[in-house]
Amino acid sequence: MKNLTLSAVALGMAMSAGGAVAQDTVMVGEPSWPGARIMANLIGQVIETRLGGEVGYAPGANAVIFAAMDGGRGDIDVHPDVWLPNQQSFVDQYGENVTLSEGSYEGRSGFCVPTYMAEEHNIRTVFDLATPDAQSLFDSDGDGMGEIWVGASGWASTNVHRVKVRDYGIETFLTPTTEDETVFYSRLRDLIENQEGAVFYCYQPHYVHALYDVTMIEEPEYDAALYTMVPADQSANWFEESSIMTGDEVKTVRVAFSNSLYDRNPAAASFLENIDMDAGELSALTFQVVEQGEEIDVAVAAWIEANGAMIDGWLGLN
């Protein structure tokens, strides 16, 4: 990692008796999904406990967080969980004033069904959803159409999966829904308890894979020539102009932060450059918080205590 020396120097200056380096409060954005909220808290606790800094938290959607980071005024300084290429349009728009961490973890996304639906009803691919049988199997409200949850409003991935549902021919048989994740997962619990049909946008790492026995169904292998996604903030006709007939490429998930932190809090900036979370560790934390009911700050504090060597690496101390 290119800034290990800078990290160690910045950390030493930040914690020295003189405190010559300015250490402004770091405002960490909190997107709505569990992994992002956990990463936000983890970042905040490291800055507070290891760098001796002050941290605030600001809930917001991707567009709001990126615009605030670009402004550099300290309204929001950090996006804790940037999924690429889903959020690439924001990186392209604000890249001059926003830096991405060198470290990352791998993310995968697609559609999931409970494994009993895959095994008992042979729902194995996205094209198995574009049938009259699927229309009946996934009709939980009795209106004659099945339902498929494509994500929550405000997620970049939600628009992607709306396009997929249309272009795979699924929309003829299943209606895409976009309720909040908490609302959907409450409904999913009931559907699975009753062994009923459910199909939904899913990704890894995510606690759902530990919570339930689910299967990510197959899509055609990613092909850039068959994957055109026009961002909603670039065209009012993004839905009509987009076309997707292929699965997603494997995601890279990084932390983003405002370049203004290099002047306002260089120790935090150096730490954020080097942060390198493990996907398995994050999945375990999301399961603890969402399913086991642990408070985020308690679960994260215990994780930090148990992973001191990893944290030292992020801080350039080993």
C-alpha atoms as a PDB file:
ATOM      1  CA  MET A   1       0.000   0.000   0.000  1.00  0.00           C
ATOM      2  CA  LYS A   2       1.598   3.246  -1.146  1.00  0.00           C
ATOM      3  CA  ASN A   3       0.980   5.369   1.939  1.00  0.00           C
ATOM      4  CA  LEU A   4       2.046   3.138   4.820  1.00  0.00           C
ATOM      5  CA  THR A   5       4.837   5.553   5.734  1.00  0.00           C
ATOM      6  CA  LEU A   6       2.515   8.543   5.434  1.00  0.00           C
ATOM      7  CA  SER A   7      -0.032   6.707   7.597  1.00  0.00           C
ATOM      8  CA  ALA A   8       2.453   6.099  10.373  1.00  0.00           C
ATOM      9  CA  VAL A   9       3.725   9.677  10.244  1.00  0.00           C
ATOM     10  CA  ALA A  10       0.213  11.127  10.217  1.00  0.00           C
ATOM     11  CA  LEU A  11      -0.815   8.898  13.108  1.00  0.00           C
ATOM     12  CA  GLY A  12       2.211   9.925  15.130  1.00  0.00           C
ATOM     13  CA  MET A  13       1.619  13.605  14.518  1.00  0.00           C
ATOM     14  CA  ALA A  14      -2.085  13.305  15.312  1.00  0.00           C
ATOM     15  CA  MET A  15      -1.391  11.654  18.657  1.00  0.00           C
ATOM     16  CA  SER A  16       1.700  13.666  19.625  1.00  0.00           C
ATOM     17  CA  ALA A  17       1.575  16.080  22.517  1.00  0.00           C
ATOM     18  CA  GLY A  18       1.851  19.118  20.270  1.00  0.00           C
ATOM     19  CA  GLY A  19      -0.914  18.043  17.890  1.00  0.00           C
ATOM     20  CA  ALA A  20       0.442  20.263  15.110  1.00  0.00           C
ATOM     21  CA  VAL A  21      -1.737  18.644  12.463  1.00  0.00           C
ATOM     22  CA  ALA A  22      -5.344  19.819  12.265  1.00  0.00           C
ATOM     23  CA  GLN A  23      -7.801  17.066  13.145  1.00  0.00           C
ATOM     24  CA  ASP A  24     -11.288  18.178  12.119  1.00  0.00           C
ATOM     25  CA  THR A  25     -14.334  16.087  12.991  1.00  0.00           C
ATOM     26  CA  VAL A  26     -14.867  13.379  10.383  1.00  0.00           C
ATOM     27  CA  MET A  27     -18.467  13.030   9.233  1.00  0.00           C
ATOM     28  CA  VAL A  28     -19.144   9.473   8.079  1.00  0.00           C
ATOM     29  CA  GLY A  29     -22.056   8.839   5.723  1.00  0.00           C
ATOM     30  CA  GLU A  30     -24.499   6.066   6.592  1.00  0.00           C
ATOM     31  CA  PRO A  31     -26.262   4.487   3.585  1.00  0.00           C
ATOM     32  CA  SER A  32     -29.255   2.347   4.465  1.00  0.00           C
ATOM     33  CA  TRP A  33     -27.986  -1.214   3.919  1.00  0.00           C
ATOM     34  CA  PRO A  34     -26.591  -3.124   6.943  1.00  0.00           C
ATOM     35  CA  GLY A  35     -23.064  -3.663   5.633  1.00  0.00           C
ATOM     36  CA  ALA A  36     -22.668   0.053   4.973  1.00  0.00           C
ATOM     37  CA  ARG A  37     -23.910   1.010   8.434  1.00  0.00           C
ATOM     38  CA  ILE A  38     -21.499  -1.452  10.024  1.00  0.00           C
ATOM     39  CA  MET A  39     -18.587  -0.166   7.946  1.00  0.00           C
ATOM     40  CA  ALA A  40     -19.519   3.402   8.896  1.00  0.00           C
ATOM     41  CA  ASN A  41     -19.410   2.515  12.579  1.00  0.00           C
ATOM     42  CA  LEU A  42     -16.173   0.586  12.192  1.00  0.00           C
ATOM     43  CA  ILE A  43     -14.515   3.547  10.472  1.00  0.00           C
ATOM     44  CA  GLY A  44     -15.819   5.877  13.154  1.00  0.00           C
ATOM     45  CA  GLN A  45     -14.603   3.745  16.036  1.00  0.00           C
ATOM     46  CA  VAL A  46     -11.116   3.363  14.569  1.00  0.00           C
ATOM     47  CA  ILE A  47     -10.829   7.127  14.103  1.00  0.00           C
ATOM     48  CA  GLU A  48     -12.031   7.732  17.666  1.00  0.00           C
ATOM     49  CA  THR A  49     -10.174   4.981  19.522  1.00  0.00           C
ATOM     50  CA  ARG A  50      -6.977   4.631  17.493  1.00  0.00           C
ATOM     51  CA  LEU A  51      -6.518   8.128  16.054  1.00  0.00           C
ATOM     52  CA  GLY A  52      -8.024  10.118  18.919  1.00  0.00           C
ATOM     53  CA  GLY A  53     -10.333  11.964  16.511  1.00  0.00           C
ATOM     54  CA  GLU A  54     -13.948  13.071  16.654  1.00  0.00           C
ATOM     55  CA  VAL A  55     -16.598  11.490  14.455  1.00  0.00           C
ATOM     56  CA  GLY A  56     -20.178  12.248  13.468  1.00  0.00           C
ATOM     57  CA  TYR A  57     -22.618  10.215  11.380  1.00  0.00           C
ATOM     58  CA  ALA A  58     -24.930  11.411   8.611  1.00  0.00           C
ATOM     59  CA  PRO A  59     -27.555   9.120   7.058  1.00  0.00           C
ATOM     60  CA  GLY A  60     -27.968   9.634   3.323  1.00  0.00           C
ATOM     61  CA  ALA A  61     -28.400   8.074  -0.102  1.00  0.00           C
ATOM     62  CA  ASN A  62     -25.458   7.630  -2.454  1.00  0.00           C
ATOM     63  CA  ALA A  63     -26.082  10.818  -4.432  1.00  0.00           C
ATOM     64  CA  VAL A  64     -26.279  12.938  -1.281  1.00  0.00           C
ATOM     65  CA  ILE A  65     -23.108  11.472   0.220  1.00  0.00           C
ATOM     66  CA  PHE A  66     -21.044  11.868  -2.950  1.00  0.00           C
ATOM     67  CA  ALA A  67     -22.203  15.454  -3.496  1.00  0.00           C
ATOM     68  CA  ALA A  68     -21.289  16.318   0.098  1.00  0.00           C
ATOM     69  CA  MET A  69     -17.845  14.703  -0.197  1.00  0.00           C
ATOM     70  CA  ASP A  70     -17.284  16.641  -3.413  1.00  0.00           C
ATOM     71  CA  GLY A  71     -18.152  19.907  -1.658  1.00  0.00           C
ATOM     72  CA  GLY A  72     -15.385  19.328   0.871  1.00  0.00           C
ATOM     73  CA  ARG A  73     -17.058  21.403   3.590  1.00  0.00           C
ATOM     74  CA  GLY A  74     -17.226  18.587   6.135  1.00  0.00           C
ATOM     75  CA  ASP A  75     -20.987  17.969   5.815  1.00  0.00           C
ATOM     76  CA  ILE A  76     -20.169  14.334   4.907  1.00  0.00           C
ATOM     77  CA  ASP A  77     -16.588  13.201   4.445  1.00  0.00           C
ATOM     78  CA  VAL A  78     -16.806   9.434   3.941  1.00  0.00           C
ATOM     79  CA  HIS A  79     -18.849   6.902   1.994  1.00  0.00           C
ATOM     80  CA  PRO A  80     -18.128   3.601   3.775  1.00  0.00           C
ATOM     81  CA  ASP A  81     -19.299   1.085   1.143  1.00  0.00           C
ATOM     82  CA  VAL A  82     -18.968   2.052  -2.525  1.00  0.00           C
ATOM     83  CA  TRP A  83     -20.003  -0.778  -4.858  1.00  0.00           C
ATOM     84  CA  LEU A  84     -18.318  -0.605  -8.238  1.00  0.00           C
ATOM     85  CA  PRO A  85     -19.332  -0.503 -10.997  1.00  0.00           C
ATOM     86  CA  ASN A  86     -22.845   0.154  -9.572  1.00  0.00           C
ATOM     87  CA  GLN A  87     -21.793   3.571  -8.296  1.00  0.00           C
ATOM     88  CA  GLN A  88     -19.222   4.293 -10.988  1.00  0.00           C
ATOM     89  CA  SER A  89     -21.237   7.249 -12.300  1.00  0.00           C
ATOM     90  CA  PHE A  90     -20.758   9.025  -8.965  1.00  0.00           C
ATOM     91  CA  VAL A  91     -17.025   8.266  -8.984  1.00  0.00           C
ATOM     92  CA  ASP A  92     -16.781   9.619 -12.527  1.00  0.00           C
ATOM     93  CA  GLN A  93     -18.743  12.749 -11.622  1.00  0.00           C
ATOM     94  CA  TYR A  94     -16.929  13.572  -8.383  1.00  0.00           C
ATOM     95  CA  GLY A  95     -13.594  11.829  -8.865  1.00  0.00           C
ATOM     96  CA  GLU A  96     -11.518  15.001  -8.846  1.00  0.00           C
ATOM     97  CA  ASN A  97     -12.462  15.670  -5.234  1.00  0.00           C
ATOM     98  CA  VAL A  98     -13.042  12.140  -3.932  1.00  0.00           C
ATOM     99  CA  THR A  99     -10.505   9.357  -3.320  1.00  0.00           C
ATOM    100  CA  LEU A 100     -11.182   5.606  -3.210  1.00  0.00           C
ATOM    101  CA  SER A 101      -9.431   3.303  -0.762  1.00  0.00           C
ATOM    102  CA  GLU A 102      -6.691   1.084  -2.136  1.00  0.00           C
ATOM    103  CA  GLY A 103      -8.104  -1.866  -0.199  1.00  0.00           C
ATOM    104  CA  SER A 104     -11.370  -3.517  -1.205  1.00  0.00           C
ATOM    105  CA  TYR A 105     -13.494  -6.600  -0.819  1.00  0.00           C
ATOM    106  CA  GLU A 106     -15.293  -8.650  -3.449  1.00  0.00           C
ATOM    107  CA  GLY A 107     -19.035  -8.410  -3.882  1.00  0.00           C
ATOM    108  CA  ARG A 108     -21.450 -10.487  -5.975  1.00  0.00           C
ATOM    109  CA  SER A 109     -25.038  -9.670  -6.803  1.00  0.00           C
ATOM    110  CA  GLY A 110     -28.003 -11.208  -8.555  1.00  0.00           C
ATOM    111  CA  PHE A 111     -31.325 -12.841  -7.671  1.00  0.00           C
ATOM    112  CA  CYS A 112     -31.913 -15.392  -4.915  1.00  0.00           C
ATOM    113  CA  VAL A 113     -34.677 -17.854  -4.110  1.00  0.00           C
ATOM    114  CA  PRO A 114     -35.062 -20.085  -1.063  1.00  0.00           C
ATOM    115  CA  THR A 115     -33.279 -23.335  -1.873  1.00  0.00           C
ATOM    116  CA  TYR A 116     -36.533 -25.278  -1.586  1.00  0.00           C
ATOM    117  CA  MET A 117     -37.845 -23.282  -4.567  1.00  0.00           C
ATOM    118  CA  ALA A 118     -34.763 -24.192  -6.601  1.00  0.00           C
ATOM    119  CA  GLU A 119     -34.964 -27.871  -5.700  1.00  0.00           C
ATOM    120  CA  GLU A 120     -38.709 -28.518  -5.588  1.00  0.00           C
ATOM    121  CA  HIS A 121     -39.770 -26.261  -8.462  1.00  0.00           C
ATOM    122  CA  ASN A 122     -36.582 -26.276 -10.557  1.00  0.00           C
ATOM    123  CA  ILE A 123     -36.053 -22.507 -10.350  1.00  0.00           C
ATOM    124  CA  ARG A 124     -32.412 -22.492 -11.423  1.00  0.00           C
ATOM    125  CA  THR A 125     -31.979 -19.566 -13.836  1.00  0.00           C
ATOM    126  CA  VAL A 126     -33.477 -16.145 -14.404  1.00  0.00           C
ATOM    127  CA  PHE A 127     -35.342 -17.515 -17.403  1.00  0.00           C
ATOM    128  CA  ASP A 128     -37.211 -19.928 -15.126  1.00  0.00           C
ATOM    129  CA  LEU A 129     -38.833 -16.784 -13.682  1.00  0.00           C
ATOM    130  CA  ALA A 130     -40.281 -15.774 -17.062  1.00  0.00           C
ATOM    131  CA  THR A 131     -43.013 -18.426 -17.153  1.00  0.00           C
ATOM    132  CA  PRO A 132     -46.684 -18.796 -16.220  1.00  0.00           C
ATOM    133  CA  ASP A 133     -45.638 -21.320 -13.545  1.00  0.00           C
ATOM    134  CA  ALA A 134     -43.406 -18.728 -11.908  1.00  0.00           C
ATOM    135  CA  GLN A 135     -46.232 -16.200 -12.087  1.00  0.00           C
ATOM    136  CA  SER A 136     -48.279 -18.498  -9.881  1.00  0.00           C
ATOM    137  CA  LEU A 137     -45.446 -19.681  -7.621  1.00  0.00           C
ATOM    138  CA  PHE A 138     -44.370 -16.156  -6.669  1.00  0.00           C
ATOM    139  CA  ASP A 139     -47.826 -14.571  -6.334  1.00  0.00           C
ATOM    140  CA  SER A 140     -47.894 -13.895  -2.589  1.00  0.00           C
ATOM    141  CA  ASP A 141     -50.719 -11.326  -2.602  1.00  0.00           C
ATOM    142  CA  GLY A 142     -53.158 -13.196  -4.860  1.00  0.00           C
ATOM    143  CA  ASP A 143     -53.444 -10.498  -7.522  1.00  0.00           C
ATOM    144  CA  GLY A 144     -52.595 -12.873 -10.345  1.00  0.00           C
ATOM    145  CA  MET A 145     -49.030 -11.571 -10.799  1.00  0.00           C
ATOM    146  CA  GLY A 146     -45.920 -12.804  -9.047  1.00  0.00           C
ATOM    147  CA  GLU A 147     -43.588 -10.406  -7.247  1.00  0.00           C
ATOM    148  CA  ILE A 148     -39.833  -9.950  -7.403  1.00  0.00           C
ATOM    149  CA  TRP A 149     -38.050  -7.586  -5.009  1.00  0.00           C
ATOM    150  CA  VAL A 150     -35.396  -5.618  -6.924  1.00  0.00           C
ATOM    151  CA  GLY A 151     -34.069  -3.608  -3.978  1.00  0.00           C
ATOM    152  CA  ALA A 152     -34.802  -0.463  -2.027  1.00  0.00           C
ATOM    153  CA  SER A 153     -35.396   2.967  -3.532  1.00  0.00           C
ATOM    154  CA  GLY A 154     -32.164   4.943  -3.788  1.00  0.00           C
ATOM    155  CA  TRP A 155     -29.872   1.979  -4.345  1.00  0.00           C
ATOM    156  CA  ALA A 156     -27.948   2.094  -7.627  1.00  0.00           C
ATOM    157  CA  SER A 157     -28.450  -1.664  -7.949  1.00  0.00           C
ATOM    158  CA  THR A 158     -32.231  -1.286  -7.831  1.00  0.00           C
ATOM    159  CA  ASN A 159     -32.381   0.404 -11.215  1.00  0.00           C
ATOM    160  CA  VAL A 160     -30.031  -2.223 -12.662  1.00  0.00           C
ATOM    161  CA  HIS A 161     -32.306  -5.018 -11.557  1.00  0.00           C
ATOM    162  CA  ARG A 162     -35.438  -3.250 -12.771  1.00  0.00           C
ATOM    163  CA  VAL A 163     -33.851  -3.256 -16.233  1.00  0.00           C
ATOM    164  CA  LYS A 164     -32.904  -6.924 -15.895  1.00  0.00           C
ATOM    165  CA  VAL A 165     -36.444  -7.908 -14.924  1.00  0.00           C
ATOM    166  CA  ARG A 166     -37.725  -6.208 -18.072  1.00  0.00           C
ATOM    167  CA  ASP A 167     -35.060  -7.500 -20.473  1.00  0.00           C
ATOM    168  CA  TYR A 168     -35.043 -11.094 -19.240  1.00  0.00           C
ATOM    169  CA  GLY A 169     -38.803 -11.169 -19.918  1.00  0.00           C
ATOM    170  CA  ILE A 170     -39.604 -11.594 -16.228  1.00  0.00           C
ATOM    171  CA  GLU A 171     -41.782  -8.478 -15.991  1.00  0.00           C
ATOM    172  CA  THR A 172     -44.520 -10.168 -18.017  1.00  0.00           C
ATOM    173  CA  PHE A 173     -45.018 -12.595 -15.132  1.00  0.00           C
ATOM    174  CA  LEU A 174     -43.559 -10.935 -12.009  1.00  0.00           C
ATOM    175  CA  THR A 175     -44.042  -7.357 -10.804  1.00  0.00           C
ATOM    176  CA  PRO A 176     -40.845  -5.671  -9.552  1.00  0.00           C
ATOM    177  CA  THR A 177     -41.208  -4.202  -6.053  1.00  0.00           C
ATOM    178  CA  THR A 178     -38.942  -1.679  -4.311  1.00  0.00           C
ATOM    179  CA  GLU A 179     -39.923  -1.517  -0.669  1.00  0.00           C
ATOM    180  CA  ASP A 180     -37.401  -0.801   2.079  1.00  0.00           C
ATOM    181  CA  GLU A 181     -35.082  -3.709   2.879  1.00  0.00           C
ATOM    182  CA  THR A 182     -36.375  -4.025   6.448  1.00  0.00           C
ATOM    183  CA  VAL A 183     -39.959  -4.272   5.202  1.00  0.00           C
ATOM    184  CA  PHE A 184     -39.064  -6.832   2.557  1.00  0.00           C
ATOM    185  CA  TYR A 185     -37.051  -9.046   4.900  1.00  0.00           C
ATOM    186  CA  SER A 186     -39.898  -9.106   7.376  1.00  0.00           C
ATOM    187  CA  ARG A 187     -42.118 -10.405   4.576  1.00  0.00           C
ATOM    188  CA  LEU A 188     -39.411 -12.810   3.403  1.00  0.00           C
ATOM    189  CA  ARG A 189     -39.269 -14.374   6.858  1.00  0.00           C
ATOM    190  CA  ASP A 190     -42.975 -15.157   6.720  1.00  0.00           C
ATOM    191  CA  LEU A 191     -42.758 -16.546   3.193  1.00  0.00           C
ATOM    192  CA  ILE A 192     -39.894 -18.860   4.089  1.00  0.00           C
ATOM    193  CA  GLU A 193     -41.537 -20.007   7.321  1.00  0.00           C
ATOM    194  CA  ASN A 194     -44.561 -21.017   5.252  1.00  0.00           C
ATOM    195  CA  GLN A 195     -42.436 -22.574   2.471  1.00  0.00           C
ATOM    196  CA  GLU A 196     -43.930 -20.147  -0.069  1.00  0.00           C
ATOM    197  CA  GLY A 197     -42.388 -18.628  -3.176  1.00  0.00           C
ATOM    198  CA  ALA A 198     -39.980 -15.719  -2.887  1.00  0.00           C
ATOM    199  CA  VAL A 199     -37.474 -14.258  -5.319  1.00  0.00           C
ATOM    200  CA  PHE A 200     -35.378 -11.212  -4.558  1.00  0.00           C
ATOM    201  CA  TYR A 201     -32.307  -9.154  -5.290  1.00  0.00           C
ATOM    202  CA  CYS A 202     -29.422 -10.439  -3.201  1.00  0.00           C
ATOM    203  CA  TYR A 203     -25.741  -9.856  -2.819  1.00  0.00           C
ATOM    204  CA  GLN A 204     -22.693 -11.149  -1.000  1.00  0.00           C
ATOM    205  CA  PRO A 205     -21.493 -10.413   1.613  1.00  0.00           C
ATOM    206  CA  HIS A 206     -24.894 -10.253   3.314  1.00  0.00           C
ATOM    207  CA  TYR A 207     -26.415 -11.856   6.373  1.00  0.00           C
ATOM    208  CA  VAL A 208     -29.247 -13.486   4.380  1.00  0.00           C
ATOM    209  CA  HIS A 209     -26.851 -16.255   3.343  1.00  0.00           C
ATOM    210  CA  ALA A 210     -26.295 -17.160   6.996  1.00  0.00           C
ATOM    211  CA  LEU A 211     -29.887 -16.548   8.018  1.00  0.00           C
ATOM    212  CA  TYR A 212     -31.645 -18.742   5.430  1.00  0.00           C
ATOM    213  CA  ASP A 213     -30.812 -21.520   3.008  1.00  0.00           C
ATOM    214  CA  VAL A 214     -30.958 -19.532  -0.230  1.00  0.00           C
ATOM    215  CA  THR A 215     -29.650 -20.102  -3.744  1.00  0.00           C
ATOM    216  CA  MET A 216     -28.390 -17.427  -6.117  1.00  0.00           C
ATOM    217  CA  ILE A 217     -29.923 -18.380  -9.456  1.00  0.00           C
ATOM    218  CA  GLU A 218     -27.928 -18.403 -12.657  1.00  0.00           C
ATOM    219  CA  GLU A 219     -27.677 -15.556 -15.147  1.00  0.00           C
ATOM    220  CA  PRO A 220     -25.765 -15.413 -18.430  1.00  0.00           C
ATOM    221  CA  GLU A 221     -22.083 -14.746 -17.794  1.00  0.00           C
ATOM    222  CA  TYR A 222     -21.206 -11.054 -17.762  1.00  0.00           C
ATOM    223  CA  ASP A 223     -20.718  -9.642 -21.244  1.00  0.00           C
ATOM    224  CA  ALA A 224     -19.991  -5.923 -21.549  1.00  0.00           C
ATOM    225  CA  ALA A 225     -21.501  -5.866 -25.046  1.00  0.00           C
ATOM    226  CA  LEU A 226     -24.867  -6.935 -23.617  1.00  0.00           C
ATOM    227  CA  TYR A 227     -24.762  -4.674 -20.570  1.00  0.00           C
ATOM    228  CA  THR A 228     -25.726  -1.033 -21.062  1.00  0.00           C
ATOM    229  CA  MET A 229     -26.830   0.813 -17.932  1.00  0.00           C
ATOM    230  CA  VAL A 230     -27.552   4.527 -18.238  1.00  0.00           C
ATOM    231  CA  PRO A 231     -27.458   6.231 -14.800  1.00  0.00           C
ATOM    232  CA  ALA A 232     -30.704   7.921 -13.784  1.00  0.00           C
ATOM    233  CA  ASP A 233     -28.868  11.155 -12.999  1.00  0.00           C
ATOM    234  CA  GLN A 234     -27.591  11.347 -16.577  1.00  0.00           C
ATOM    235  CA  SER A 235     -30.837  10.869 -18.483  1.00  0.00           C
ATOM    236  CA  ALA A 236     -34.524  11.201 -17.730  1.00  0.00           C
ATOM    237  CA  ASN A 237     -35.017   8.290 -20.150  1.00  0.00           C
ATOM    238  CA  TRP A 238     -32.458   6.042 -18.459  1.00  0.00           C
ATOM    239  CA  PHE A 239     -34.875   3.091 -18.278  1.00  0.00           C
ATOM    240  CA  GLU A 240     -35.653   3.124 -21.983  1.00  0.00           C
ATOM    241  CA  GLU A 241     -32.014   3.713 -22.928  1.00  0.00           C
ATOM    242  CA  SER A 242     -30.640   0.892 -20.773  1.00  0.00           C
ATOM    243  CA  SER A 243     -30.407  -2.730 -21.870  1.00  0.00           C
ATOM    244  CA  ILE A 244     -29.127  -5.697 -19.846  1.00  0.00           C
ATOM    245  CA  MET A 245     -29.153  -9.315 -20.983  1.00  0.00           C
ATOM    246  CA  THR A 246     -26.274 -10.581 -18.864  1.00  0.00           C
ATOM    247  CA  GLY A 247     -25.310 -11.086 -15.252  1.00  0.00           C
ATOM    248  CA  ASP A 248     -23.326  -8.490 -13.322  1.00  0.00           C
ATOM    249  CA  GLU A 249     -19.564  -8.507 -13.264  1.00  0.00           C
ATOM    250  CA  VAL A 250     -18.021  -9.254  -9.896  1.00  0.00           C
ATOM    251  CA  LYS A 251     -18.099  -6.098  -7.771  1.00  0.00           C
ATOM    252  CA  THR A 252     -15.255  -4.313  -6.072  1.00  0.00           C
ATOM    253  CA  VAL A 253     -16.324  -2.594  -2.862  1.00  0.00           C
ATOM    254  CA  ARG A 254     -14.247   0.295  -1.547  1.00  0.00           C
ATOM    255  CA  VAL A 255     -14.374   3.184   0.886  1.00  0.00           C
ATOM    256  CA  ALA A 256     -14.523   6.713  -0.570  1.00  0.00           C
ATOM    257  CA  PHE A 257     -13.599   9.954   1.157  1.00  0.00           C
ATOM    258  CA  SER A 258     -13.371  13.661   0.464  1.00  0.00           C
ATOM    259  CA  ASN A 259      -9.944  14.911  -0.614  1.00  0.00           C
ATOM    260  CA  SER A 260     -10.456  17.775   1.831  1.00  0.00           C
ATOM    261  CA  LEU A 261      -9.513  15.348   4.627  1.00  0.00           C
ATOM    262  CA  TYR A 262      -5.900  15.434   3.447  1.00  0.00           C
ATOM    263  CA  ASP A 263      -5.772  18.981   4.873  1.00  0.00           C
ATOM    264  CA  ARG A 264      -8.478  18.782   7.532  1.00  0.00           C
ATOM    265  CA  ASN A 265      -7.571  15.405   9.052  1.00  0.00           C
ATOM    266  CA  PRO A 266      -4.551  13.804   7.357  1.00  0.00           C
ATOM    267  CA  ALA A 267      -4.378  10.900   9.819  1.00  0.00           C
ATOM    268  CA  ALA A 268      -7.942   9.895   8.956  1.00  0.00           C
ATOM    269  CA  ALA A 269      -7.264  10.325   5.232  1.00  0.00           C
ATOM    270  CA  SER A 270      -4.254   8.011   5.385  1.00  0.00           C
ATOM    271  CA  PHE A 271      -6.208   5.410   7.344  1.00  0.00           C
ATOM    272  CA  LEU A 272      -9.074   5.534   4.840  1.00  0.00           C
ATOM    273  CA  GLU A 273      -6.674   5.064   1.933  1.00  0.00           C
ATOM    274  CA  ASN A 274      -5.411   1.822   3.449  1.00  0.00           C
ATOM    275  CA  ILE A 275      -8.571   0.243   4.900  1.00  0.00           C
ATOM    276  CA  ASP A 276      -8.995  -3.260   3.466  1.00  0.00           C
ATOM    277  CA  MET A 277     -12.006  -5.108   4.917  1.00  0.00           C
ATOM    278  CA  ASP A 278     -12.545  -8.844   4.464  1.00  0.00           C
ATOM    279  CA  ALA A 279     -15.912  -9.876   2.963  1.00  0.00           C
ATOM    280  CA  GLY A 280     -16.286 -12.872   5.270  1.00  0.00           C
ATOM    281  CA  GLU A 281     -15.654 -10.749   8.350  1.00  0.00           C
ATOM    282  CA  LEU A 282     -18.252  -8.226   7.224  1.00  0.00           C
ATOM    283  CA  SER A 283     -20.832 -10.947   6.568  1.00  0.00           C
ATOM    284  CA  ALA A 284     -20.296 -12.293  10.092  1.00  0.00           C
ATOM    285  CA  LEU A 285     -20.756  -8.818  11.558  1.00  0.00           C
ATOM    286  CA  THR A 286     -23.960  -8.200   9.615  1.00  0.00           C
ATOM    287  CA  PHE A 287     -25.363 -11.503  10.877  1.00  0.00           C
ATOM    288  CA  GLN A 288     -24.525 -10.571  14.484  1.00  0.00           C
ATOM    289  CA  VAL A 289     -26.214  -7.199  14.148  1.00  0.00           C
ATOM    290  CA  VAL A 290     -29.241  -7.961  12.002  1.00  0.00           C
ATOM    291  CA  GLU A 291     -30.172 -11.469  13.050  1.00  0.00           C
ATOM    292  CA  GLN A 292     -28.708 -11.840  16.526  1.00  0.00           C
ATOM    293  CA  GLY A 293     -29.742  -8.350  17.564  1.00  0.00           C
ATOM    294  CA  GLU A 294     -26.403  -7.043  18.789  1.00  0.00           C
ATOM    295  CA  GLU A 295     -25.959  -3.286  18.865  1.00  0.00           C
ATOM    296  CA  ILE A 296     -23.731  -2.168  16.013  1.00  0.00           C
ATOM    297  CA  ASP A 297     -21.301  -0.267  18.223  1.00  0.00           C
ATOM    298  CA  VAL A 298     -20.945  -3.210  20.611  1.00  0.00           C
ATOM    299  CA  ALA A 299     -20.373  -5.783  17.852  1.00  0.00           C
ATOM    300  CA  VAL A 300     -17.906  -3.517  16.055  1.00  0.00           C
ATOM    301  CA  ALA A 301     -15.983  -2.683  19.246  1.00  0.00           C
ATOM    302  CA  ALA A 302     -15.550  -6.402  19.975  1.00  0.00           C
ATOM    303  CA  TRP A 303     -14.408  -7.018  16.392  1.00  0.00           C
ATOM    304  CA  ILE A 304     -11.843  -4.218  16.599  1.00  0.00           C
ATOM    305  CA  GLU A 305     -10.525  -5.612  19.891  1.00  0.00           C
ATOM    306  CA  ALA A 306     -10.140  -9.070  18.313  1.00  0.00           C
ATOM    307  CA  ASN A 307      -8.522  -7.820  15.096  1.00  0.00           C
ATOM    308  CA  GLY A 308      -5.882  -5.413  16.325  1.00  0.00           C
ATOM    309  CA  ALA A 309      -3.255  -6.638  13.872  1.00  0.00           C
ATOM    310  CA  MET A 310      -5.544  -5.970  10.917  1.00  0.00           C
ATOM    311  CA  ILE A 311      -6.307  -2.483  12.220  1.00  0.00           C
ATOM    312  CA  ASP A 312      -2.573  -1.831  12.709  1.00  0.00           C
ATOM    313  CA  GLY A 313      -2.086  -2.691   9.034  1.00  0.00           C
ATOM    314  CA  TRP A 314      -4.683  -0.139   8.009  1.00  0.00           C
ATOM    315  CA  LEU A 315      -2.888   2.440  10.126  1.00  0.00           C
ATOM    316  CA  GLY A 316       0.510   1.605   8.644  1.00  0.00           C
ATOM    317  CA  LEU A 317       1.906   0.324  11.935  1.00  0.00           C
ATOM    318  CA  ASN A 318       3.069  -3.123  10.789  1.00  0.00           C
END
